[in-house]
Amino acid sequence: MQYTRIRNLREDKDLTQQHMAEYLHCSQRCYSNYETGTRDIPTEILVKIADFHNVSVDYLLERTDKKEVNK
């Protein structure tokens, strides 16, 4: 699975892969592999990405088009 929404959210904020990698405490290559789907994203990392962008994990996984987080 390619995570196009993760890439799009990052690009919408004019952030580099390196910036996100630093936030997630991983290498830029590792983060790049997350975006391309070459590497599965661990659940805890997926949650951190969702929290960073203030969207739901379901939105990142393309299970919904609703960005809002249920509270």
Protein backbone atom coordinates (compact mmCIF):
# COMPACT_ATOMS: atom_id res chain seq x y z
CA MET A 1 0.00 0.00 0.00
CA GLN A 2 1.31 3.41 -0.94
CA TYR A 3 0.54 6.12 1.60
CA THR A 4 -0.23 9.04 -0.70
CA ARG A 5 -2.18 10.90 1.97
CA ILE A 6 0.80 10.92 4.28
CA ARG A 7 2.93 12.39 1.52
CA ASN A 8 0.24 14.90 0.53
CA LEU A 9 -0.25 16.10 4.12
CA ARG A 10 3.50 16.55 4.52
CA GLU A 11 3.81 18.44 1.24
CA ASP A 12 0.79 20.64 2.05
CA LYS A 13 2.74 21.89 5.08
CA ASP A 14 5.93 22.33 3.02
CA LEU A 15 7.74 19.81 5.21
CA THR A 16 10.59 17.63 4.05
CA GLN A 17 10.86 13.92 4.62
CA GLN A 18 13.84 14.73 6.82
CA HIS A 19 11.67 16.93 9.05
CA MET A 20 9.14 14.14 9.52
CA ALA A 21 11.89 11.59 10.08
CA GLU A 22 13.34 13.72 12.88
CA TYR A 23 9.90 14.08 14.46
CA LEU A 24 9.42 10.30 14.33
CA HIS A 25 13.02 9.53 15.40
CA CYS A 26 13.87 7.53 12.29
CA SER A 27 16.05 8.03 9.22
CA GLN A 28 14.90 9.91 6.14
CA ARG A 29 15.19 6.67 4.14
CA CYS A 30 12.97 4.85 6.63
CA TYR A 31 10.36 7.61 6.41
CA SER A 32 10.56 7.60 2.61
CA ASN A 33 9.90 3.86 2.68
CA TYR A 34 6.80 4.52 4.79
CA GLU A 35 5.44 6.96 2.20
CA THR A 36 6.08 4.63 -0.73
CA GLY A 37 4.72 1.58 1.05
CA THR A 38 8.05 -0.22 0.76
CA ARG A 39 8.00 -0.61 4.53
CA ASP A 40 4.94 -1.21 6.71
CA ILE A 41 4.26 1.59 9.16
CA PRO A 42 4.15 0.39 12.77
CA THR A 43 0.93 1.27 14.56
CA GLU A 44 2.61 3.64 17.02
CA ILE A 45 4.24 5.55 14.15
CA LEU A 46 0.95 5.73 12.25
CA VAL A 47 -0.71 7.21 15.33
CA LYS A 48 2.09 9.78 15.72
CA ILE A 49 1.71 10.83 12.07
CA ALA A 50 -2.07 11.13 12.47
CA ASP A 51 -1.65 13.21 15.64
CA PHE A 52 0.96 15.43 13.97
CA HIS A 53 -1.41 16.23 11.10
CA ASN A 54 -4.52 16.23 13.32
CA VAL A 55 -6.28 13.63 11.20
CA SER A 56 -7.61 10.16 11.92
CA VAL A 57 -5.64 6.99 11.29
CA ASP A 58 -8.58 5.85 9.13
CA TYR A 59 -8.04 8.91 6.94
CA LEU A 60 -4.35 8.05 6.51
CA LEU A 61 -5.29 4.48 5.60
CA GLU A 62 -7.89 5.76 3.10
CA ARG A 63 -10.71 4.03 4.97
CA THR A 64 -12.56 7.35 5.07
CA ASP A 65 -12.39 10.72 3.36
CA LYS A 66 -13.23 12.48 6.65
CA LYS A 67 -10.10 14.08 8.08
CA GLU A 68 -11.55 14.97 11.47
CA VAL A 69 -10.55 13.00 14.52
CA ASN A 70 -13.48 11.62 16.53
CA LYS A 71 -13.42 12.99 20.06
